[in-house]
């Protein structure tokens, strides 16, 4: 990371356990060619830096790679065992670009929007302290101000949509799926938050001949909490549930991207980058937006 505090992290071997599925990421004809070498890697992490969350297995004989989350009132117990999201239309926006991710954006095919991947892909987020690479590719040199992407339910009419849905039928009407237990009762959250992510880099990153890593941090510990930090039952956030909109808004605000060549998994600012906005056109302290 540049101009950021270095934090020592233990990178566990759980990358083999919390696998990342990228559907045809390297062979996608809509994206840049991924030859024998790459100068850009996109990684994901979900590290918690708040007292409300902790890693299971940090103390004890048999480590677990599940995420244990405790609300501010400690009244409920949430254990997250799996998190998966769908992403599409990944771009890097140059410093002179106004934006890229919108389907009809005029800059979508010009040099100010470097296309990383267009078709849908399924990304399984780690629930431990791993930092997992999900995409590696070779890009022309440039300076970039933001990573842009879309979270949305995949349609059969989308490019690559039929193959994606055949391989992932559980995502036919969902863009996010979470499995775990709440107060000991198993749950499945299958939601459809839709958002255009504009994750600003502060400062902008430069991609050249040297390898550069961009980490997208996702604050999954915040997804099932209300404005007071109290846990809500994920089962109440499914379609038609009382907390459907709350959790959808939390998901949209939970993404944060930064240069992370040391694979530390956070930006060194001492928080998880969660954007505590109003759930609309949110803009966090680093300039990241969802809309």
Foldseek 3Di string as FASTA:
>chain_A
DPPFDDDDDDADPCCVVQDWWWPCLQPAPVADHADPDFQEWEKEFADALDPQWDAAQPDDDDGDQWTWGAFPVSPKTWIWDWKKFKKFFKWFAAPPDPDARDPPDPCPPPPRIHTSGGAMTMTIYGRHGHIGTDGTGYDAKGWTFWIKIKTFQADCPTVCRVVVCVVPVLRNPARMWIWTDMRRHTDIQGAGQIKIKTATEVVIDITHPHHWYKYKHFNPSQLQAAPNRHGDDSNQCHPPRPCVLVNSLQRQQGIHMYICPPRNNDRNPSGRNGFPDDSDQTQRPRGITID
